[in-house]
Amino acid sequence: MVDLLERIEVMIEQEVRSYATKDYLLPEFQQKLGPLAESDEIMHPSVPETSGSMASSSGSSSSSSGINEIWREKIVEWSYQVIDHFEFSREVVSVSIHYLDRYLATRSVNKKTFQLAAMTCLFIAIKLYEPGRLSMPSMIELSRGYFMIEHMAAMERSILR
């Protein structure tokens, strides 16, 4: 019984210290990190400005970068649509959103970089859990010309770093 209690205490400790993710949607968090990092602007110099239905969304807890709960929800819904279309395991979306949350908890991003990071995290999760089933050019087609392969490749390197 004591061993079980010790294990639970260790698991709780790990959850609090190692696995916790910062809430990057809070305006205070984004302000603490500062403006979009110069390295991010250099990495994505020609990513087009945001336009379309997602760009006009508004919601609560909007940060200075414009990212909010509604954007995150739309990314999750879009991810499920992609996964369902290709008949992949829905668990892939959970993994990709975990990657996205971890990545965004370390930097301030704008809306277009948020979209690119979400798309790239989904692609990484697909590569790991559905190997050989979707190519980067196919994933880029899903963006309807919004991003190029170079953008996604650069973002993939950034996320994996």
N, C-alpha and C. Protein backbone atom coordinates (compact mmCIF):
# COMPACT_ATOMS: atom_id res chain seq x y z
N MET A 1 0.83 -1.20 0.00
CA MET A 1 0.00 0.00 0.00
C MET A 1 0.86 1.25 0.00
N VAL A 2 1.95 1.23 0.78
CA VAL A 2 2.84 2.38 0.84
C VAL A 2 3.49 2.63 -0.53
N ASP A 3 3.87 1.53 -1.18
CA ASP A 3 4.48 1.63 -2.51
C ASP A 3 3.53 2.30 -3.49
N LEU A 4 2.27 1.96 -3.42
CA LEU A 4 1.27 2.54 -4.29
C LEU A 4 1.15 4.05 -4.04
N LEU A 5 1.10 4.46 -2.79
CA LEU A 5 1.02 5.87 -2.44
C LEU A 5 2.24 6.64 -2.93
N GLU A 6 3.42 6.03 -2.78
CA GLU A 6 4.64 6.67 -3.26
C GLU A 6 4.60 6.85 -4.77
N ARG A 7 4.13 5.86 -5.47
CA ARG A 7 4.03 5.94 -6.94
C ARG A 7 3.08 7.05 -7.35
N ILE A 8 1.95 7.13 -6.68
CA ILE A 8 0.98 8.18 -6.99
C ILE A 8 1.58 9.56 -6.73
N GLU A 9 2.30 9.71 -5.63
CA GLU A 9 2.95 10.99 -5.32
C GLU A 9 3.95 11.36 -6.41
N VAL A 10 4.73 10.40 -6.86
CA VAL A 10 5.70 10.65 -7.93
C VAL A 10 4.99 11.05 -9.22
N MET A 11 3.89 10.36 -9.53
CA MET A 11 3.13 10.69 -10.74
C MET A 11 2.56 12.10 -10.67
N ILE A 12 2.04 12.48 -9.53
CA ILE A 12 1.51 13.83 -9.35
C ILE A 12 2.64 14.86 -9.50
N GLU A 13 3.77 14.57 -8.91
CA GLU A 13 4.94 15.45 -9.02
C GLU A 13 5.35 15.63 -10.48
N GLN A 14 5.38 14.54 -11.25
CA GLN A 14 5.73 14.62 -12.66
C GLN A 14 4.70 15.44 -13.42
N GLU A 15 3.45 15.24 -13.10
CA GLU A 15 2.39 15.98 -13.78
C GLU A 15 2.54 17.48 -13.56
N VAL A 16 2.84 17.86 -12.35
CA VAL A 16 2.96 19.27 -12.01
C VAL A 16 4.23 19.89 -12.59
N ARG A 17 5.34 19.20 -12.49
CA ARG A 17 6.63 19.76 -12.91
C ARG A 17 6.99 19.51 -14.36
N SER A 18 6.77 18.32 -14.84
CA SER A 18 7.27 17.95 -16.17
C SER A 18 6.25 18.06 -17.29
N TYR A 19 5.00 17.75 -17.03
CA TYR A 19 4.03 17.64 -18.10
C TYR A 19 3.11 18.85 -18.23
N ALA A 20 3.15 19.73 -17.28
CA ALA A 20 2.27 20.89 -17.33
C ALA A 20 2.65 21.79 -18.50
N THR A 21 1.63 22.34 -19.15
CA THR A 21 1.84 23.25 -20.28
C THR A 21 1.27 24.61 -19.90
N LYS A 22 2.00 25.65 -20.20
CA LYS A 22 1.55 27.00 -19.93
C LYS A 22 0.34 27.33 -20.80
N ASP A 23 -0.53 28.20 -20.30
CA ASP A 23 -1.70 28.64 -21.06
C ASP A 23 -1.27 29.80 -21.96
N TYR A 24 -0.90 29.48 -23.17
CA TYR A 24 -0.40 30.50 -24.10
C TYR A 24 -1.51 31.41 -24.61
N LEU A 25 -2.75 31.10 -24.31
CA LEU A 25 -3.86 31.94 -24.76
C LEU A 25 -4.07 33.16 -23.86
N LEU A 26 -3.49 33.13 -22.67
CA LEU A 26 -3.63 34.27 -21.76
C LEU A 26 -2.86 35.48 -22.29
N PRO A 27 -3.48 36.66 -22.31
CA PRO A 27 -2.76 37.85 -22.78
C PRO A 27 -1.49 38.12 -21.96
N GLU A 28 -1.55 37.84 -20.65
CA GLU A 28 -0.38 38.08 -19.81
C GLU A 28 0.80 37.21 -20.24
N PHE A 29 0.51 35.98 -20.66
CA PHE A 29 1.58 35.06 -21.08
C PHE A 29 2.24 35.58 -22.35
N GLN A 30 1.44 36.01 -23.31
CA GLN A 30 1.99 36.51 -24.57
C GLN A 30 2.79 37.79 -24.35
N GLN A 31 2.31 38.67 -23.48
CA GLN A 31 3.03 39.90 -23.19
C GLN A 31 4.35 39.62 -22.49
N LYS A 32 4.36 38.61 -21.62
CA LYS A 32 5.58 38.24 -20.92
C LYS A 32 6.65 37.75 -21.90
N LEU A 33 6.21 37.00 -22.91
CA LEU A 33 7.15 36.51 -23.91
C LEU A 33 7.62 37.61 -24.85
N GLY A 34 6.80 38.64 -25.00
CA GLY A 34 7.17 39.73 -25.88
C GLY A 34 6.60 39.55 -27.26
N PRO A 35 6.96 40.47 -28.17
CA PRO A 35 6.43 40.41 -29.53
C PRO A 35 6.97 39.20 -30.28
N LEU A 36 6.41 38.98 -31.46
CA LEU A 36 6.84 37.89 -32.32
C LEU A 36 8.35 37.90 -32.43
N ALA A 37 8.93 36.77 -32.14
CA ALA A 37 10.40 36.67 -32.15
C ALA A 37 10.96 36.98 -33.52
N GLU A 38 12.08 37.69 -33.55
CA GLU A 38 12.72 38.05 -34.80
C GLU A 38 13.07 36.80 -35.60
N SER A 39 13.48 35.75 -34.92
CA SER A 39 13.83 34.51 -35.62
C SER A 39 12.61 33.92 -36.32
N ASP A 40 11.41 34.08 -35.75
CA ASP A 40 10.20 33.59 -36.39
C ASP A 40 9.90 34.39 -37.66
N GLU A 41 10.10 35.71 -37.61
CA GLU A 41 9.86 36.53 -38.78
C GLU A 41 10.84 36.18 -39.90
N ILE A 42 12.07 35.91 -39.54
CA ILE A 42 13.06 35.54 -40.53
C ILE A 42 12.72 34.17 -41.11
N MET A 43 12.26 33.27 -40.25
CA MET A 43 11.95 31.91 -40.68
C MET A 43 10.78 31.89 -41.65
N HIS A 44 9.84 32.79 -41.51
CA HIS A 44 8.63 32.81 -42.33
C HIS A 44 8.46 34.16 -43.02
N PRO A 45 9.42 34.59 -43.85
CA PRO A 45 9.36 35.92 -44.40
C PRO A 45 8.22 36.16 -45.38
N SER A 46 7.79 35.13 -46.10
CA SER A 46 6.80 35.37 -47.14
C SER A 46 5.49 34.66 -46.89
N VAL A 47 5.19 34.36 -45.64
CA VAL A 47 3.90 33.75 -45.32
C VAL A 47 2.85 34.83 -45.53
N PRO A 48 1.81 34.57 -46.33
CA PRO A 48 0.82 35.60 -46.63
C PRO A 48 0.05 36.04 -45.41
N GLU A 49 -0.49 37.23 -45.48
CA GLU A 49 -1.29 37.75 -44.37
C GLU A 49 -2.56 36.93 -44.25
N THR A 50 -3.08 36.85 -43.04
CA THR A 50 -4.26 36.05 -42.77
C THR A 50 -5.47 36.66 -43.45
N SER A 51 -6.23 35.80 -44.13
CA SER A 51 -7.50 36.22 -44.70
C SER A 51 -8.42 35.01 -44.67
N GLY A 52 -9.71 35.26 -44.73
CA GLY A 52 -10.64 34.15 -44.74
C GLY A 52 -11.44 34.07 -43.47
N SER A 53 -12.21 33.00 -43.34
CA SER A 53 -13.15 32.90 -42.24
C SER A 53 -12.47 32.82 -40.88
N MET A 54 -11.33 32.15 -40.80
CA MET A 54 -10.67 32.05 -39.51
C MET A 54 -10.12 33.40 -39.07
N ALA A 55 -9.72 34.22 -40.02
CA ALA A 55 -9.13 35.52 -39.69
C ALA A 55 -10.15 36.45 -39.07
N SER A 56 -11.41 36.30 -39.44
CA SER A 56 -12.41 37.23 -38.94
C SER A 56 -13.02 36.78 -37.62
N SER A 57 -12.58 35.64 -37.11
CA SER A 57 -13.12 35.15 -35.85
C SER A 57 -12.70 36.04 -34.70
N SER A 58 -13.56 36.15 -33.73
CA SER A 58 -13.20 36.86 -32.52
C SER A 58 -13.65 36.02 -31.35
N GLY A 59 -13.07 36.27 -30.21
CA GLY A 59 -13.44 35.49 -29.05
C GLY A 59 -12.84 36.05 -27.80
N SER A 60 -13.03 35.36 -26.71
CA SER A 60 -12.52 35.83 -25.44
C SER A 60 -11.06 35.48 -25.29
N SER A 61 -10.43 36.11 -24.34
CA SER A 61 -9.03 35.88 -24.01
C SER A 61 -8.10 36.06 -25.20
N SER A 62 -8.41 37.02 -26.02
CA SER A 62 -7.55 37.28 -27.17
C SER A 62 -6.25 37.90 -26.69
N SER A 63 -5.14 37.35 -27.17
CA SER A 63 -3.85 37.90 -26.78
C SER A 63 -3.45 38.96 -27.77
N SER A 64 -2.32 39.59 -27.52
CA SER A 64 -1.83 40.63 -28.41
C SER A 64 -1.53 40.07 -29.78
N SER A 65 -1.29 38.78 -29.88
CA SER A 65 -1.01 38.17 -31.17
C SER A 65 -2.29 37.82 -31.91
N GLY A 66 -3.45 37.92 -31.24
CA GLY A 66 -4.71 37.63 -31.87
C GLY A 66 -5.15 36.19 -31.73
N ILE A 67 -4.37 35.37 -31.07
CA ILE A 67 -4.72 33.96 -30.90
C ILE A 67 -5.66 33.85 -29.70
N ASN A 68 -6.71 33.05 -29.85
CA ASN A 68 -7.66 32.89 -28.75
C ASN A 68 -8.26 31.49 -28.77
N GLU A 69 -9.18 31.23 -27.85
CA GLU A 69 -9.78 29.91 -27.72
C GLU A 69 -10.52 29.49 -28.98
N ILE A 70 -11.16 30.43 -29.64
CA ILE A 70 -11.91 30.11 -30.85
C ILE A 70 -10.97 29.64 -31.95
N TRP A 71 -9.83 30.29 -32.08
CA TRP A 71 -8.84 29.85 -33.07
C TRP A 71 -8.39 28.44 -32.77
N ARG A 72 -8.09 28.17 -31.52
CA ARG A 72 -7.63 26.83 -31.15
C ARG A 72 -8.72 25.80 -31.43
N GLU A 73 -9.95 26.13 -31.11
CA GLU A 73 -11.07 25.23 -31.36
C GLU A 73 -11.21 24.95 -32.86
N LYS A 74 -11.08 25.99 -33.68
CA LYS A 74 -11.18 25.80 -35.14
C LYS A 74 -10.05 24.92 -35.66
N ILE A 75 -8.86 25.08 -35.10
CA ILE A 75 -7.73 24.24 -35.50
C ILE A 75 -8.01 22.78 -35.16
N VAL A 76 -8.57 22.55 -33.98
CA VAL A 76 -8.90 21.18 -33.58
C VAL A 76 -9.96 20.60 -34.51
N GLU A 77 -11.00 21.36 -34.80
CA GLU A 77 -12.04 20.88 -35.71
C GLU A 77 -11.48 20.58 -37.10
N TRP A 78 -10.65 21.48 -37.61
CA TRP A 78 -10.02 21.27 -38.92
C TRP A 78 -9.16 20.01 -38.90
N SER A 79 -8.42 19.82 -37.83
CA SER A 79 -7.56 18.64 -37.70
C SER A 79 -8.38 17.35 -37.75
N TYR A 80 -9.52 17.34 -37.04
CA TYR A 80 -10.39 16.16 -37.08
C TYR A 80 -10.95 15.93 -38.49
N GLN A 81 -11.28 17.00 -39.20
CA GLN A 81 -11.77 16.85 -40.56
C GLN A 81 -10.71 16.21 -41.46
N VAL A 82 -9.47 16.66 -41.31
CA VAL A 82 -8.37 16.10 -42.11
C VAL A 82 -8.18 14.62 -41.78
N ILE A 83 -8.12 14.32 -40.50
CA ILE A 83 -7.91 12.94 -40.05
C ILE A 83 -9.05 12.04 -40.52
N ASP A 84 -10.28 12.52 -40.40
CA ASP A 84 -11.42 11.73 -40.84
C ASP A 84 -11.41 11.51 -42.35
N HIS A 85 -11.04 12.55 -43.09
CA HIS A 85 -10.97 12.44 -44.55
C HIS A 85 -10.00 11.35 -44.99
N PHE A 86 -8.84 11.29 -44.35
CA PHE A 86 -7.83 10.30 -44.72
C PHE A 86 -8.00 8.97 -43.96
N GLU A 87 -9.03 8.91 -43.11
CA GLU A 87 -9.33 7.71 -42.33
C GLU A 87 -8.15 7.28 -41.45
N PHE A 88 -7.55 8.26 -40.79
CA PHE A 88 -6.48 8.01 -39.84
C PHE A 88 -7.09 7.88 -38.45
N SER A 89 -6.30 7.42 -37.51
CA SER A 89 -6.73 7.32 -36.12
C SER A 89 -6.97 8.72 -35.56
N ARG A 90 -8.08 8.90 -34.87
CA ARG A 90 -8.41 10.22 -34.31
C ARG A 90 -7.46 10.61 -33.18
N GLU A 91 -6.76 9.63 -32.63
CA GLU A 91 -5.79 9.93 -31.57
C GLU A 91 -4.67 10.83 -32.09
N VAL A 92 -4.43 10.80 -33.38
CA VAL A 92 -3.39 11.63 -33.99
C VAL A 92 -3.65 13.11 -33.71
N VAL A 93 -4.91 13.51 -33.69
CA VAL A 93 -5.25 14.91 -33.41
C VAL A 93 -4.85 15.27 -31.99
N SER A 94 -5.13 14.40 -31.05
CA SER A 94 -4.75 14.65 -29.66
C SER A 94 -3.25 14.85 -29.54
N VAL A 95 -2.50 14.00 -30.19
CA VAL A 95 -1.04 14.11 -30.16
C VAL A 95 -0.59 15.42 -30.80
N SER A 96 -1.17 15.76 -31.94
CA SER A 96 -0.75 16.99 -32.63
C SER A 96 -1.07 18.24 -31.82
N ILE A 97 -2.20 18.26 -31.15
CA ILE A 97 -2.56 19.42 -30.32
C ILE A 97 -1.64 19.50 -29.11
N HIS A 98 -1.25 18.36 -28.58
CA HIS A 98 -0.26 18.36 -27.49
C HIS A 98 1.05 18.99 -27.98
N TYR A 99 1.51 18.60 -29.16
CA TYR A 99 2.73 19.19 -29.73
C TYR A 99 2.55 20.69 -29.91
N LEU A 100 1.40 21.08 -30.43
CA LEU A 100 1.13 22.50 -30.66
C LEU A 100 1.15 23.29 -29.36
N ASP A 101 0.47 22.77 -28.34
CA ASP A 101 0.45 23.45 -27.04
C ASP A 101 1.84 23.61 -26.47
N ARG A 102 2.64 22.56 -26.55
CA ARG A 102 4.02 22.61 -26.05
C ARG A 102 4.84 23.65 -26.80
N TYR A 103 4.69 23.68 -28.11
CA TYR A 103 5.45 24.62 -28.94
C TYR A 103 5.04 26.06 -28.64
N LEU A 104 3.74 26.31 -28.59
CA LEU A 104 3.27 27.68 -28.40
C LEU A 104 3.46 28.18 -26.97
N ALA A 105 3.69 27.28 -26.04
CA ALA A 105 3.94 27.69 -24.66
C ALA A 105 5.35 28.26 -24.50
N THR A 106 6.14 28.23 -25.57
CA THR A 106 7.52 28.73 -25.48
C THR A 106 7.75 29.99 -26.30
N ARG A 107 6.75 30.45 -27.03
CA ARG A 107 6.97 31.61 -27.90
C ARG A 107 5.67 32.33 -28.21
N SER A 108 5.81 33.57 -28.57
CA SER A 108 4.68 34.36 -29.01
C SER A 108 4.63 34.27 -30.54
N VAL A 109 3.45 34.03 -31.07
CA VAL A 109 3.29 33.91 -32.52
C VAL A 109 2.09 34.72 -32.98
N ASN A 110 2.08 35.04 -34.28
CA ASN A 110 0.91 35.69 -34.85
C ASN A 110 -0.03 34.62 -35.41
N LYS A 111 -1.15 35.05 -35.98
CA LYS A 111 -2.17 34.11 -36.44
C LYS A 111 -1.65 33.20 -37.55
N LYS A 112 -0.93 33.76 -38.50
CA LYS A 112 -0.47 32.92 -39.62
C LYS A 112 0.55 31.89 -39.15
N THR A 113 1.40 32.25 -38.20
CA THR A 113 2.37 31.30 -37.67
C THR A 113 1.67 30.25 -36.82
N PHE A 114 0.61 30.66 -36.13
CA PHE A 114 -0.20 29.72 -35.36
C PHE A 114 -0.79 28.66 -36.28
N GLN A 115 -1.35 29.09 -37.41
CA GLN A 115 -1.93 28.15 -38.37
C GLN A 115 -0.87 27.21 -38.93
N LEU A 116 0.27 27.77 -39.28
CA LEU A 116 1.35 26.95 -39.83
C LEU A 116 1.85 25.95 -38.79
N ALA A 117 1.99 26.39 -37.55
CA ALA A 117 2.45 25.48 -36.49
C ALA A 117 1.44 24.36 -36.27
N ALA A 118 0.16 24.69 -36.28
CA ALA A 118 -0.88 23.67 -36.09
C ALA A 118 -0.87 22.65 -37.22
N MET A 119 -0.75 23.14 -38.43
CA MET A 119 -0.72 22.25 -39.59
C MET A 119 0.52 21.36 -39.55
N THR A 120 1.64 21.93 -39.15
CA THR A 120 2.89 21.18 -39.10
C THR A 120 2.86 20.16 -37.97
N CYS A 121 2.30 20.52 -36.82
CA CYS A 121 2.18 19.56 -35.72
C CYS A 121 1.30 18.38 -36.13
N LEU A 122 0.23 18.66 -36.86
CA LEU A 122 -0.61 17.57 -37.35
C LEU A 122 0.19 16.69 -38.30
N PHE A 123 0.97 17.30 -39.17
CA PHE A 123 1.77 16.53 -40.11
C PHE A 123 2.80 15.66 -39.38
N ILE A 124 3.44 16.21 -38.35
CA ILE A 124 4.42 15.44 -37.57
C ILE A 124 3.74 14.25 -36.90
N ALA A 125 2.57 14.49 -36.30
CA ALA A 125 1.85 13.40 -35.64
C ALA A 125 1.43 12.33 -36.65
N ILE A 126 1.01 12.74 -37.83
CA ILE A 126 0.64 11.78 -38.87
C ILE A 126 1.87 10.97 -39.28
N LYS A 127 3.00 11.65 -39.43
CA LYS A 127 4.23 10.94 -39.80
C LYS A 127 4.60 9.88 -38.76
N LEU A 128 4.37 10.18 -37.50
CA LEU A 128 4.74 9.25 -36.44
C LEU A 128 3.73 8.12 -36.26
N TYR A 129 2.44 8.42 -36.40
CA TYR A 129 1.41 7.43 -36.10
C TYR A 129 0.76 6.80 -37.33
N GLU A 130 0.94 7.41 -38.47
CA GLU A 130 0.41 6.88 -39.73
C GLU A 130 1.52 6.96 -40.78
N PRO A 131 2.66 6.30 -40.54
CA PRO A 131 3.83 6.48 -41.41
C PRO A 131 3.57 6.12 -42.87
N GLY A 132 4.12 6.97 -43.75
CA GLY A 132 4.04 6.72 -45.18
C GLY A 132 2.68 6.94 -45.80
N ARG A 133 1.78 7.59 -45.09
CA ARG A 133 0.41 7.72 -45.58
C ARG A 133 0.04 9.11 -46.09
N LEU A 134 0.90 10.12 -45.83
CA LEU A 134 0.59 11.47 -46.29
C LEU A 134 1.89 12.22 -46.52
N SER A 135 2.02 12.82 -47.68
CA SER A 135 3.24 13.56 -48.01
C SER A 135 3.09 15.03 -47.65
N MET A 136 4.23 15.71 -47.53
CA MET A 136 4.20 17.14 -47.24
C MET A 136 3.48 17.92 -48.34
N PRO A 137 3.73 17.63 -49.64
CA PRO A 137 2.97 18.35 -50.68
C PRO A 137 1.46 18.16 -50.55
N SER A 138 1.03 16.96 -50.15
CA SER A 138 -0.41 16.73 -49.95
C SER A 138 -0.94 17.57 -48.80
N MET A 139 -0.15 17.68 -47.75
CA MET A 139 -0.55 18.49 -46.60
C MET A 139 -0.61 19.97 -47.00
N ILE A 140 0.34 20.40 -47.79
CA ILE A 140 0.37 21.79 -48.25
C ILE A 140 -0.88 22.09 -49.08
N GLU A 141 -1.33 21.13 -49.88
CA GLU A 141 -2.55 21.33 -50.68
C GLU A 141 -3.75 21.63 -49.79
N LEU A 142 -3.76 21.07 -48.60
CA LEU A 142 -4.86 21.31 -47.67
C LEU A 142 -4.92 22.77 -47.22
N SER A 143 -3.80 23.47 -47.33
CA SER A 143 -3.78 24.88 -46.94
C SER A 143 -4.31 25.78 -48.05
N ARG A 144 -4.64 25.19 -49.20
CA ARG A 144 -5.20 25.93 -50.34
C ARG A 144 -4.29 27.07 -50.77
N GLY A 145 -2.99 26.79 -50.83
CA GLY A 145 -2.03 27.78 -51.30
C GLY A 145 -1.59 28.80 -50.27
N TYR A 146 -2.04 28.65 -49.06
CA TYR A 146 -1.72 29.61 -48.01
C TYR A 146 -0.25 29.51 -47.58
N PHE A 147 0.29 28.29 -47.59
CA PHE A 147 1.68 28.06 -47.22
C PHE A 147 2.39 27.30 -48.32
N MET A 148 3.70 27.36 -48.28
CA MET A 148 4.52 26.62 -49.23
C MET A 148 5.30 25.54 -48.46
N ILE A 149 5.84 24.59 -49.21
CA ILE A 149 6.60 23.50 -48.59
C ILE A 149 7.74 24.05 -47.74
N GLU A 150 8.38 25.11 -48.22
CA GLU A 150 9.50 25.70 -47.48
C GLU A 150 9.06 26.20 -46.11
N HIS A 151 7.85 26.76 -46.05
CA HIS A 151 7.32 27.24 -44.76
C HIS A 151 7.14 26.08 -43.79
N MET A 152 6.51 25.02 -44.29
CA MET A 152 6.25 23.87 -43.43
C MET A 152 7.54 23.19 -43.00
N ALA A 153 8.50 23.06 -43.91
CA ALA A 153 9.78 22.43 -43.57
C ALA A 153 10.51 23.24 -42.49
N ALA A 154 10.48 24.56 -42.63
CA ALA A 154 11.13 25.42 -41.63
C ALA A 154 10.43 25.32 -40.28
N MET A 155 9.10 25.28 -40.31
CA MET A 155 8.35 25.16 -39.07
C MET A 155 8.59 23.80 -38.42
N GLU A 156 8.69 22.75 -39.22
CA GLU A 156 8.94 21.43 -38.68
C GLU A 156 10.29 21.41 -37.96
N ARG A 157 11.30 22.03 -38.56
CA ARG A 157 12.62 22.10 -37.90
C ARG A 157 12.51 22.87 -36.59
N SER A 158 11.77 23.96 -36.60
CA SER A 158 11.61 24.78 -35.38
C SER A 158 10.91 24.00 -34.28
N ILE A 159 9.85 23.30 -34.62
CA ILE A 159 9.10 22.52 -33.62
C ILE A 159 9.96 21.40 -33.06
N LEU A 160 10.67 20.72 -33.93
CA LEU A 160 11.49 19.60 -33.46
C LEU A 160 12.69 20.05 -32.64
N ARG A 161 13.12 21.28 -32.86
CA ARG A 161 14.21 21.83 -32.05
C ARG A 161 13.71 22.09 -30.65
